[in-house]
Amino acid sequence: MIICRTKHELKQHLSSFRNENKGIGFVPTMGFLHEGHASLLRQAAAENNISVLSIFVNPLQFGPNEDLDRYPRDEERDLALAEACGIDLVFIPSVQEMYPERPLTSVIVNQVTDRLCGASRPGHFDGVGTVVSKLFHLVSPDRAYFGMKDAQQVAVIQQMVNDLNFSVQIVPSPIIREPDGLALSSRNVFLNAEQRVQAVVLSKSLEQASKWANEPEMTIERLETLVKEQISKAGEAEIDYVELLKYPSLQAPDANSAIATFSQPLILALAVKFGATRLIDNRIIETSEVNLHV
């Protein structure tokens, strides 16, 4: 497994791969890898001649009061996992390498970022769009793999790729969960024992919501209210948002609309804090399935 820490090294190695007409799969991450990342790495390795992982904690996507310095890091463990998953090349640049000067150019995706984390974390997706754009230019992958745990990020990246004509296929992959249902996240390590128990309310609420969605005349607003009530039963849960939106446009439907009337998928997205730890989760609700039960 090749490890590159500079853009020059990366370009040199990738140039030799391209000269051999080898397809490249790419998984951009911020490190502290878990089984959710591992599933993406294994898929990239299986579906491409060459698989590339990037590990970079991107300061542009953290706000002034967010956890950039607290974000967990374990390079040695990440590299061992990457090698076990069959990754061919790992790019681990420093902040200075990626941003030798303060960037005066950024990639801003509108509308898709108006709600959810885009609303509660201003500037976050500008940072995401900018760094992913840089990485796509550096790696020039044929396919790039993203987990659906951050479904808004997937929608934002896909919009950017469509609008700017990147020659890369975006491959969304399912959420990987703990046995009790909690979505895997690098931030789970910050939960104390009681918060970890309570955090399972997120996946349980999403599961219950998929059943409520099948009830005749269940509306957008009513479902959101029921889920908020369910989550609030966990004593330490502090809700940032609970929203049922069209996907992938992430536009808000009429709150009084019956869920069964929609012909496109909806996404129920959650962001909830347990102490200082903010967790996100979501579930796609296929409205065609709802219609079958109405």
C-alpha atoms as a PDB file:
ATOM      1  CA  MET A   1       0.000   0.000   0.000  1.00  0.00           C
ATOM      2  CA  ILE A   2       1.404   3.363  -1.073  1.00  0.00           C
ATOM      3  CA  ILE A   3       1.236   6.321   1.331  1.00  0.00           C
ATOM      4  CA  CYS A   4       1.437   9.837  -0.140  1.00  0.00           C
ATOM      5  CA  ARG A   5       1.626  13.012   1.903  1.00  0.00           C
ATOM      6  CA  THR A   6       2.089  15.567  -0.865  1.00  0.00           C
ATOM      7  CA  LYS A   7       0.118  16.453  -3.977  1.00  0.00           C
ATOM      8  CA  HIS A   8       3.254  15.880  -6.054  1.00  0.00           C
ATOM      9  CA  GLU A   9       3.683  12.306  -4.780  1.00  0.00           C
ATOM     10  CA  LEU A  10      -0.006  11.618  -5.358  1.00  0.00           C
ATOM     11  CA  LYS A  11       0.088  12.871  -8.939  1.00  0.00           C
ATOM     12  CA  GLN A  12       3.213  10.847  -9.716  1.00  0.00           C
ATOM     13  CA  HIS A  13       1.705   7.564  -8.572  1.00  0.00           C
ATOM     14  CA  LEU A  14      -1.713   8.180 -10.118  1.00  0.00           C
ATOM     15  CA  SER A  15      -0.127   9.164 -13.424  1.00  0.00           C
ATOM     16  CA  SER A  16       1.505   5.736 -13.721  1.00  0.00           C
ATOM     17  CA  PHE A  17      -1.840   4.043 -12.958  1.00  0.00           C
ATOM     18  CA  ARG A  18      -3.643   6.077 -15.605  1.00  0.00           C
ATOM     19  CA  ASN A  19      -0.986   5.246 -18.181  1.00  0.00           C
ATOM     20  CA  GLU A  20      -1.968   1.617 -17.641  1.00  0.00           C
ATOM     21  CA  ASN A  21      -5.670   2.518 -18.153  1.00  0.00           C
ATOM     22  CA  LYS A  22      -6.582   1.376 -14.671  1.00  0.00           C
ATOM     23  CA  GLY A  23      -9.926   2.508 -13.252  1.00  0.00           C
ATOM     24  CA  ILE A  24      -9.694   4.437  -9.989  1.00  0.00           C
ATOM     25  CA  GLY A  25     -12.112   4.248  -7.070  1.00  0.00           C
ATOM     26  CA  PHE A  26     -11.877   6.931  -4.377  1.00  0.00           C
ATOM     27  CA  VAL A  27     -13.070   7.197  -0.763  1.00  0.00           C
ATOM     28  CA  PRO A  28     -12.554  10.659   0.783  1.00  0.00           C
ATOM     29  CA  THR A  29     -12.638  10.638   4.604  1.00  0.00           C
ATOM     30  CA  MET A  30     -11.559  12.595   7.653  1.00  0.00           C
ATOM     31  CA  GLY A  31     -10.035   9.506   9.214  1.00  0.00           C
ATOM     32  CA  PHE A  32     -10.696   7.722  12.514  1.00  0.00           C
ATOM     33  CA  LEU A  33     -12.132   4.981  10.353  1.00  0.00           C
ATOM     34  CA  HIS A  34     -14.834   2.573  11.491  1.00  0.00           C
ATOM     35  CA  GLU A  35     -16.774  -0.263   9.885  1.00  0.00           C
ATOM     36  CA  GLY A  36     -18.913   2.231   7.950  1.00  0.00           C
ATOM     37  CA  HIS A  37     -15.788   3.516   6.234  1.00  0.00           C
ATOM     38  CA  ALA A  38     -14.472  -0.022   5.858  1.00  0.00           C
ATOM     39  CA  SER A  39     -17.562  -1.017   3.879  1.00  0.00           C
ATOM     40  CA  LEU A  40     -16.833   1.832   1.446  1.00  0.00           C
ATOM     41  CA  LEU A  41     -13.164   0.852   1.200  1.00  0.00           C
ATOM     42  CA  ARG A  42     -13.967  -2.777   0.466  1.00  0.00           C
ATOM     43  CA  GLN A  43     -16.485  -1.754  -2.185  1.00  0.00           C
ATOM     44  CA  ALA A  44     -14.007   0.625  -3.840  1.00  0.00           C
ATOM     45  CA  ALA A  45     -11.311  -2.060  -3.835  1.00  0.00           C
ATOM     46  CA  ALA A  46     -13.676  -4.656  -5.305  1.00  0.00           C
ATOM     47  CA  GLU A  47     -15.123  -2.463  -8.059  1.00  0.00           C
ATOM     48  CA  ASN A  48     -11.968  -0.749  -9.349  1.00  0.00           C
ATOM     49  CA  ASN A  49      -8.461  -1.638 -10.538  1.00  0.00           C
ATOM     50  CA  ILE A  50      -6.965   0.933  -8.149  1.00  0.00           C
ATOM     51  CA  SER A  51      -8.521   2.118  -4.891  1.00  0.00           C
ATOM     52  CA  VAL A  52      -7.555   5.399  -3.215  1.00  0.00           C
ATOM     53  CA  LEU A  53      -8.352   6.608   0.299  1.00  0.00           C
ATOM     54  CA  SER A  54      -7.817  10.160   1.502  1.00  0.00           C
ATOM     55  CA  ILE A  55      -7.548  11.096   5.179  1.00  0.00           C
ATOM     56  CA  PHE A  56      -7.821  14.809   5.815  1.00  0.00           C
ATOM     57  CA  VAL A  57      -9.574  16.666   8.635  1.00  0.00           C
ATOM     58  CA  ASN A  58     -10.743  19.642   6.615  1.00  0.00           C
ATOM     59  CA  PRO A  59     -10.776  22.870   8.659  1.00  0.00           C
ATOM     60  CA  LEU A  60     -12.983  24.664   6.122  1.00  0.00           C
ATOM     61  CA  GLN A  61     -16.035  22.616   7.096  1.00  0.00           C
ATOM     62  CA  PHE A  62     -15.812  23.337  10.829  1.00  0.00           C
ATOM     63  CA  GLY A  63     -17.423  26.427  12.324  1.00  0.00           C
ATOM     64  CA  PRO A  64     -15.747  28.610  14.988  1.00  0.00           C
ATOM     65  CA  ASN A  65     -17.534  26.824  17.857  1.00  0.00           C
ATOM     66  CA  GLU A  66     -17.245  23.284  16.478  1.00  0.00           C
ATOM     67  CA  ASP A  67     -15.004  20.378  17.357  1.00  0.00           C
ATOM     68  CA  LEU A  68     -12.089  20.627  14.894  1.00  0.00           C
ATOM     69  CA  ASP A  69      -9.476  20.213  17.632  1.00  0.00           C
ATOM     70  CA  ARG A  70     -11.480  17.460  19.338  1.00  0.00           C
ATOM     71  CA  TYR A  71     -12.054  15.496  16.146  1.00  0.00           C
ATOM     72  CA  PRO A  72     -10.566  12.028  16.836  1.00  0.00           C
ATOM     73  CA  ARG A  73      -7.471  10.924  14.954  1.00  0.00           C
ATOM     74  CA  ASP A  74      -5.623   7.596  14.807  1.00  0.00           C
ATOM     75  CA  GLU A  75      -3.457   7.385  11.695  1.00  0.00           C
ATOM     76  CA  GLU A  76      -1.775   4.083  12.557  1.00  0.00           C
ATOM     77  CA  ARG A  77      -5.108   2.334  13.066  1.00  0.00           C
ATOM     78  CA  ASP A  78      -6.560   3.935   9.915  1.00  0.00           C
ATOM     79  CA  LEU A  79      -3.670   2.680   7.795  1.00  0.00           C
ATOM     80  CA  ALA A  80      -3.970  -0.849   9.159  1.00  0.00           C
ATOM     81  CA  LEU A  81      -7.697  -0.890   8.359  1.00  0.00           C
ATOM     82  CA  ALA A  82      -7.105   0.518   4.877  1.00  0.00           C
ATOM     83  CA  GLU A  83      -4.532  -2.171   4.108  1.00  0.00           C
ATOM     84  CA  ALA A  84      -6.842  -4.902   5.423  1.00  0.00           C
ATOM     85  CA  CYS A  85      -9.579  -3.617   3.087  1.00  0.00           C
ATOM     86  CA  GLY A  86      -7.313  -3.836   0.044  1.00  0.00           C
ATOM     87  CA  ILE A  87      -6.682  -0.120  -0.518  1.00  0.00           C
ATOM     88  CA  ASP A  88      -3.816   0.581  -2.935  1.00  0.00           C
ATOM     89  CA  LEU A  89      -2.963   4.188  -2.109  1.00  0.00           C
ATOM     90  CA  VAL A  90      -3.625   6.489   0.860  1.00  0.00           C
ATOM     91  CA  PHE A  91      -3.328  10.272   0.573  1.00  0.00           C
ATOM     92  CA  ILE A  92      -2.700  11.949   3.946  1.00  0.00           C
ATOM     93  CA  PRO A  93      -1.949  15.632   3.342  1.00  0.00           C
ATOM     94  CA  SER A  94      -1.352  18.253   6.013  1.00  0.00           C
ATOM     95  CA  VAL A  95      -3.452  21.404   6.203  1.00  0.00           C
ATOM     96  CA  GLN A  96      -0.456  23.316   4.854  1.00  0.00           C
ATOM     97  CA  GLU A  97      -0.240  20.927   1.902  1.00  0.00           C
ATOM     98  CA  MET A  98      -3.906  21.321   1.007  1.00  0.00           C
ATOM     99  CA  TYR A  99      -4.124  25.038   1.758  1.00  0.00           C
ATOM    100  CA  PRO A 100      -0.655  26.585   1.427  1.00  0.00           C
ATOM    101  CA  GLU A 101      -2.423  29.950   1.420  1.00  0.00           C
ATOM    102  CA  ARG A 102      -5.884  31.002   2.513  1.00  0.00           C
ATOM    103  CA  PRO A 103      -8.116  29.964  -0.414  1.00  0.00           C
ATOM    104  CA  LEU A 104      -9.925  32.804  -2.159  1.00  0.00           C
ATOM    105  CA  THR A 105     -12.083  30.399  -4.175  1.00  0.00           C
ATOM    106  CA  SER A 106     -14.805  28.158  -2.781  1.00  0.00           C
ATOM    107  CA  VAL A 107     -17.488  25.869  -4.148  1.00  0.00           C
ATOM    108  CA  ILE A 108     -20.964  26.838  -2.972  1.00  0.00           C
ATOM    109  CA  VAL A 109     -23.997  24.653  -3.675  1.00  0.00           C
ATOM    110  CA  ASN A 110     -27.303  26.431  -3.143  1.00  0.00           C
ATOM    111  CA  GLN A 111     -30.799  25.168  -2.234  1.00  0.00           C
ATOM    112  CA  VAL A 112     -29.700  21.621  -1.396  1.00  0.00           C
ATOM    113  CA  THR A 113     -27.823  23.195   1.543  1.00  0.00           C
ATOM    114  CA  ASP A 114     -30.638  25.447   2.782  1.00  0.00           C
ATOM    115  CA  ARG A 115     -31.941  23.025   5.392  1.00  0.00           C
ATOM    116  CA  LEU A 116     -30.723  20.357   7.863  1.00  0.00           C
ATOM    117  CA  CYS A 117     -26.977  20.661   8.606  1.00  0.00           C
ATOM    118  CA  GLY A 118     -26.674  23.412   6.017  1.00  0.00           C
ATOM    119  CA  ALA A 119     -28.967  25.589   8.130  1.00  0.00           C
ATOM    120  CA  SER A 120     -27.564  24.691  11.547  1.00  0.00           C
ATOM    121  CA  ARG A 121     -23.896  24.714  10.447  1.00  0.00           C
ATOM    122  CA  PRO A 122     -23.478  27.788   8.207  1.00  0.00           C
ATOM    123  CA  GLY A 123     -20.591  27.438   5.778  1.00  0.00           C
ATOM    124  CA  HIS A 124     -20.159  23.726   6.468  1.00  0.00           C
ATOM    125  CA  PHE A 125     -21.066  22.554   2.974  1.00  0.00           C
ATOM    126  CA  ASP A 126     -19.036  25.326   1.363  1.00  0.00           C
ATOM    127  CA  GLY A 127     -16.047  23.700   3.049  1.00  0.00           C
ATOM    128  CA  VAL A 128     -17.172  20.239   1.978  1.00  0.00           C
ATOM    129  CA  GLY A 129     -17.724  21.281  -1.634  1.00  0.00           C
ATOM    130  CA  THR A 130     -14.377  23.052  -1.789  1.00  0.00           C
ATOM    131  CA  VAL A 131     -12.273  20.217  -0.382  1.00  0.00           C
ATOM    132  CA  VAL A 132     -14.065  17.479  -2.335  1.00  0.00           C
ATOM    133  CA  SER A 133     -13.644  19.517  -5.510  1.00  0.00           C
ATOM    134  CA  LYS A 134      -9.897  19.804  -4.799  1.00  0.00           C
ATOM    135  CA  LEU A 135      -9.637  16.089  -4.094  1.00  0.00           C
ATOM    136  CA  PHE A 136     -11.551  15.161  -7.248  1.00  0.00           C
ATOM    137  CA  HIS A 137      -9.150  17.287  -9.298  1.00  0.00           C
ATOM    138  CA  LEU A 138      -6.136  15.696  -7.619  1.00  0.00           C
ATOM    139  CA  VAL A 139      -7.307  12.076  -7.820  1.00  0.00           C
ATOM    140  CA  SER A 140      -9.502  12.196 -10.964  1.00  0.00           C
ATOM    141  CA  PRO A 141     -11.406   9.072  -9.877  1.00  0.00           C
ATOM    142  CA  ASP A 142     -13.819   7.119 -12.026  1.00  0.00           C
ATOM    143  CA  ARG A 143     -15.996   6.414  -8.982  1.00  0.00           C
ATOM    144  CA  ALA A 144     -16.228   8.070  -5.563  1.00  0.00           C
ATOM    145  CA  TYR A 145     -17.888   6.382  -2.584  1.00  0.00           C
ATOM    146  CA  PHE A 146     -19.918   8.145   0.121  1.00  0.00           C
ATOM    147  CA  GLY A 147     -21.971   6.773   2.998  1.00  0.00           C
ATOM    148  CA  MET A 148     -25.661   7.627   3.212  1.00  0.00           C
ATOM    149  CA  LYS A 149     -25.396   8.429   6.919  1.00  0.00           C
ATOM    150  CA  ASP A 150     -24.703  11.954   5.744  1.00  0.00           C
ATOM    151  CA  ALA A 151     -27.395  11.919   3.059  1.00  0.00           C
ATOM    152  CA  GLN A 152     -27.284  15.697   2.659  1.00  0.00           C
ATOM    153  CA  GLN A 153     -23.583  15.502   1.861  1.00  0.00           C
ATOM    154  CA  VAL A 154     -24.304  12.879  -0.801  1.00  0.00           C
ATOM    155  CA  ALA A 155     -26.960  15.143  -2.336  1.00  0.00           C
ATOM    156  CA  VAL A 156     -24.630  18.157  -2.240  1.00  0.00           C
ATOM    157  CA  ILE A 157     -21.729  16.290  -3.866  1.00  0.00           C
ATOM    158  CA  GLN A 158     -23.986  14.832  -6.548  1.00  0.00           C
ATOM    159  CA  GLN A 159     -25.342  18.310  -7.330  1.00  0.00           C
ATOM    160  CA  MET A 160     -21.801  19.687  -7.548  1.00  0.00           C
ATOM    161  CA  VAL A 161     -20.731  16.858  -9.864  1.00  0.00           C
ATOM    162  CA  ASN A 162     -23.757  17.430 -12.108  1.00  0.00           C
ATOM    163  CA  ASP A 163     -23.397  21.205 -12.241  1.00  0.00           C
ATOM    164  CA  LEU A 164     -19.613  21.302 -12.772  1.00  0.00           C
ATOM    165  CA  ASN A 165     -19.408  18.269 -15.082  1.00  0.00           C
ATOM    166  CA  PHE A 166     -16.978  16.236 -13.025  1.00  0.00           C
ATOM    167  CA  SER A 167     -16.222  12.958 -14.772  1.00  0.00           C
ATOM    168  CA  VAL A 168     -16.880  10.838 -11.703  1.00  0.00           C
ATOM    169  CA  GLN A 169     -19.696   8.505 -10.722  1.00  0.00           C
ATOM    170  CA  ILE A 170     -20.961   9.097  -7.178  1.00  0.00           C
ATOM    171  CA  VAL A 171     -21.709   5.786  -5.452  1.00  0.00           C
ATOM    172  CA  PRO A 172     -23.909   6.107  -2.319  1.00  0.00           C
ATOM    173  CA  SER A 173     -23.641   3.241   0.173  1.00  0.00           C
ATOM    174  CA  PRO A 174     -26.038   2.171   2.950  1.00  0.00           C
ATOM    175  CA  ILE A 175     -25.677   3.257   6.570  1.00  0.00           C
ATOM    176  CA  ILE A 176     -23.717   0.765   8.681  1.00  0.00           C
ATOM    177  CA  ARG A 177     -25.050   0.318  12.210  1.00  0.00           C
ATOM    178  CA  GLU A 178     -24.069  -1.171  15.531  1.00  0.00           C
ATOM    179  CA  PRO A 179     -25.993  -4.327  16.559  1.00  0.00           C
ATOM    180  CA  ASP A 180     -28.378  -2.145  18.612  1.00  0.00           C
ATOM    181  CA  GLY A 181     -29.063   0.139  15.653  1.00  0.00           C
ATOM    182  CA  LEU A 182     -26.875   3.173  16.396  1.00  0.00           C
ATOM    183  CA  ALA A 183     -25.352   4.498  13.177  1.00  0.00           C
ATOM    184  CA  LEU A 184     -21.571   4.193  13.174  1.00  0.00           C
ATOM    185  CA  SER A 185     -19.855   7.550  13.579  1.00  0.00           C
ATOM    186  CA  SER A 186     -16.399   8.769  14.524  1.00  0.00           C
ATOM    187  CA  ARG A 187     -18.117  10.943  17.130  1.00  0.00           C
ATOM    188  CA  ASN A 188     -19.689   7.996  18.993  1.00  0.00           C
ATOM    189  CA  VAL A 189     -16.450   7.707  20.968  1.00  0.00           C
ATOM    190  CA  PHE A 190     -17.362  10.925  22.807  1.00  0.00           C
ATOM    191  CA  LEU A 191     -20.616   9.516  24.242  1.00  0.00           C
ATOM    192  CA  ASN A 192     -20.525   8.495  27.889  1.00  0.00           C
ATOM    193  CA  ALA A 193     -22.155   5.219  28.934  1.00  0.00           C
ATOM    194  CA  GLU A 194     -25.599   6.719  29.599  1.00  0.00           C
ATOM    195  CA  GLN A 195     -25.573   8.845  26.442  1.00  0.00           C
ATOM    196  CA  ARG A 196     -24.593   5.786  24.411  1.00  0.00           C
ATOM    197  CA  VAL A 197     -27.645   3.932  25.726  1.00  0.00           C
ATOM    198  CA  GLN A 198     -29.934   6.877  25.053  1.00  0.00           C
ATOM    199  CA  ALA A 199     -28.577   7.508  21.538  1.00  0.00           C
ATOM    200  CA  VAL A 200     -30.270   4.329  20.290  1.00  0.00           C
ATOM    201  CA  VAL A 201     -33.493   6.359  20.358  1.00  0.00           C
ATOM    202  CA  LEU A 202     -32.486   7.793  16.960  1.00  0.00           C
ATOM    203  CA  SER A 203     -32.558   4.520  15.025  1.00  0.00           C
ATOM    204  CA  LYS A 204     -35.598   3.310  16.960  1.00  0.00           C
ATOM    205  CA  SER A 205     -37.465   6.506  16.109  1.00  0.00           C
ATOM    206  CA  LEU A 206     -36.605   6.142  12.433  1.00  0.00           C
ATOM    207  CA  GLU A 207     -37.809   2.553  12.450  1.00  0.00           C
ATOM    208  CA  GLN A 208     -41.057   3.562  14.135  1.00  0.00           C
ATOM    209  CA  ALA A 209     -41.473   6.453  11.694  1.00  0.00           C
ATOM    210  CA  SER A 210     -41.409   4.077   8.726  1.00  0.00           C
ATOM    211  CA  LYS A 211     -44.409   2.320  10.296  1.00  0.00           C
ATOM    212  CA  TRP A 212     -46.227   5.556  11.131  1.00  0.00           C
ATOM    213  CA  ALA A 213     -45.727   6.668   7.526  1.00  0.00           C
ATOM    214  CA  ASN A 214     -47.993   3.805   6.416  1.00  0.00           C
ATOM    215  CA  GLU A 215     -50.931   5.029   8.484  1.00  0.00           C
ATOM    216  CA  PRO A 216     -53.777   6.448   6.377  1.00  0.00           C
ATOM    217  CA  GLU A 217     -53.766  10.254   6.247  1.00  0.00           C
ATOM    218  CA  MET A 218     -50.424  10.538   8.045  1.00  0.00           C
ATOM    219  CA  THR A 219     -49.101  14.002   7.192  1.00  0.00           C
ATOM    220  CA  ILE A 220     -45.591  15.428   6.979  1.00  0.00           C
ATOM    221  CA  GLU A 221     -46.105  17.633  10.040  1.00  0.00           C
ATOM    222  CA  ARG A 222     -47.704  14.900  12.126  1.00  0.00           C
ATOM    223  CA  LEU A 223     -44.887  12.439  11.454  1.00  0.00           C
ATOM    224  CA  GLU A 224     -42.230  15.014  12.361  1.00  0.00           C
ATOM    225  CA  THR A 225     -44.094  15.766  15.600  1.00  0.00           C
ATOM    226  CA  LEU A 226     -44.367  12.093  16.551  1.00  0.00           C
ATOM    227  CA  VAL A 227     -40.641  11.539  15.956  1.00  0.00           C
ATOM    228  CA  LYS A 228     -39.715  14.609  18.026  1.00  0.00           C
ATOM    229  CA  GLU A 229     -41.879  13.335  20.878  1.00  0.00           C
ATOM    230  CA  GLN A 230     -40.236   9.927  20.672  1.00  0.00           C
ATOM    231  CA  ILE A 231     -36.700  11.327  20.725  1.00  0.00           C
ATOM    232  CA  SER A 232     -37.502  13.705  23.569  1.00  0.00           C
ATOM    233  CA  LYS A 233     -38.191  10.719  25.836  1.00  0.00           C
ATOM    234  CA  ALA A 234     -34.404  10.268  26.027  1.00  0.00           C
ATOM    235  CA  GLY A 235     -33.460  12.566  28.883  1.00  0.00           C
ATOM    236  CA  GLU A 236     -30.216  13.947  27.440  1.00  0.00           C
ATOM    237  CA  ALA A 237     -31.436  14.337  23.857  1.00  0.00           C
ATOM    238  CA  GLU A 238     -31.343  17.900  22.564  1.00  0.00           C
ATOM    239  CA  ILE A 239     -32.957  18.049  19.117  1.00  0.00           C
ATOM    240  CA  ASP A 240     -31.311  20.169  16.450  1.00  0.00           C
ATOM    241  CA  TYR A 241     -33.701  19.145  13.689  1.00  0.00           C
ATOM    242  CA  VAL A 242     -36.211  16.488  12.675  1.00  0.00           C
ATOM    243  CA  GLU A 243     -37.301  17.035   9.067  1.00  0.00           C
ATOM    244  CA  LEU A 244     -39.103  15.007   6.428  1.00  0.00           C
ATOM    245  CA  LEU A 245     -38.026  16.303   3.015  1.00  0.00           C
ATOM    246  CA  LYS A 246     -38.043  15.358  -0.641  1.00  0.00           C
ATOM    247  CA  TYR A 247     -34.900  13.502  -1.680  1.00  0.00           C
ATOM    248  CA  PRO A 248     -32.462  14.291  -3.222  1.00  0.00           C
ATOM    249  CA  SER A 249     -33.677  17.876  -3.731  1.00  0.00           C
ATOM    250  CA  LEU A 250     -34.095  18.334   0.068  1.00  0.00           C
ATOM    251  CA  GLN A 251     -36.986  20.696  -0.556  1.00  0.00           C
ATOM    252  CA  ALA A 252     -39.719  20.884   2.066  1.00  0.00           C
ATOM    253  CA  PRO A 253     -43.123  19.525   1.071  1.00  0.00           C
ATOM    254  CA  ASP A 254     -46.360  21.086   2.292  1.00  0.00           C
ATOM    255  CA  ALA A 255     -46.540  20.252   6.002  1.00  0.00           C
ATOM    256  CA  ASN A 256     -50.199  19.275   5.711  1.00  0.00           C
ATOM    257  CA  SER A 257     -49.661  16.910   2.788  1.00  0.00           C
ATOM    258  CA  ALA A 258     -50.431  13.241   3.293  1.00  0.00           C
ATOM    259  CA  ILE A 259     -47.261  11.168   2.929  1.00  0.00           C
ATOM    260  CA  ALA A 260     -49.037   8.664   0.685  1.00  0.00           C
ATOM    261  CA  THR A 261     -49.601  11.319  -1.998  1.00  0.00           C
ATOM    262  CA  PHE A 262     -45.888  11.637  -2.877  1.00  0.00           C
ATOM    263  CA  SER A 263     -44.498   9.809  -5.894  1.00  0.00           C
ATOM    264  CA  GLN A 264     -40.829  10.480  -5.046  1.00  0.00           C
ATOM    265  CA  PRO A 265     -38.748   9.285  -2.099  1.00  0.00           C
ATOM    266  CA  LEU A 266     -38.761  11.282   1.111  1.00  0.00           C
ATOM    267  CA  ILE A 267     -35.975  11.391   3.672  1.00  0.00           C
ATOM    268  CA  LEU A 268     -36.505  11.660   7.401  1.00  0.00           C
ATOM    269  CA  ALA A 269     -33.331  13.304   8.708  1.00  0.00           C
ATOM    270  CA  LEU A 270     -32.336  13.835  12.345  1.00  0.00           C
ATOM    271  CA  ALA A 271     -29.640  15.751  14.184  1.00  0.00           C
ATOM    272  CA  VAL A 272     -29.589  15.390  17.966  1.00  0.00           C
ATOM    273  CA  LYS A 273     -27.039  16.321  20.611  1.00  0.00           C
ATOM    274  CA  PHE A 274     -26.240  14.136  23.603  1.00  0.00           C
ATOM    275  CA  GLY A 275     -24.164  16.355  25.832  1.00  0.00           C
ATOM    276  CA  ALA A 276     -21.538  17.943  23.566  1.00  0.00           C
ATOM    277  CA  THR A 277     -21.808  15.201  20.927  1.00  0.00           C
ATOM    278  CA  ARG A 278     -23.975  15.887  17.881  1.00  0.00           C
ATOM    279  CA  LEU A 279     -25.217  12.817  15.998  1.00  0.00           C
ATOM    280  CA  ILE A 280     -27.020  12.589  12.676  1.00  0.00           C
ATOM    281  CA  ASP A 281     -29.105   9.784  11.207  1.00  0.00           C
ATOM    282  CA  ASN A 282     -31.735   9.350   8.520  1.00  0.00           C
ATOM    283  CA  ARG A 283     -34.016   6.959   6.717  1.00  0.00           C
ATOM    284  CA  ILE A 284     -35.305   7.046   3.157  1.00  0.00           C
ATOM    285  CA  ILE A 285     -39.055   6.510   3.017  1.00  0.00           C
ATOM    286  CA  GLU A 286     -40.057   5.121  -0.339  1.00  0.00           C
ATOM    287  CA  THR A 287     -43.524   6.539  -0.850  1.00  0.00           C
ATOM    288  CA  SER A 288     -44.456   3.837  -3.350  1.00  0.00           C
ATOM    289  CA  GLU A 289     -44.276   1.393  -0.427  1.00  0.00           C
ATOM    290  CA  VAL A 290     -46.499   3.678   1.617  1.00  0.00           C
ATOM    291  CA  ASN A 291     -49.044   3.781  -1.219  1.00  0.00           C
ATOM    292  CA  LEU A 292     -49.241  -0.018  -1.230  1.00  0.00           C
ATOM    293  CA  HIS A 293     -50.483   0.052   2.343  1.00  0.00           C
ATOM    294  CA  VAL A 294     -53.054   2.838   2.000  1.00  0.00           C
END
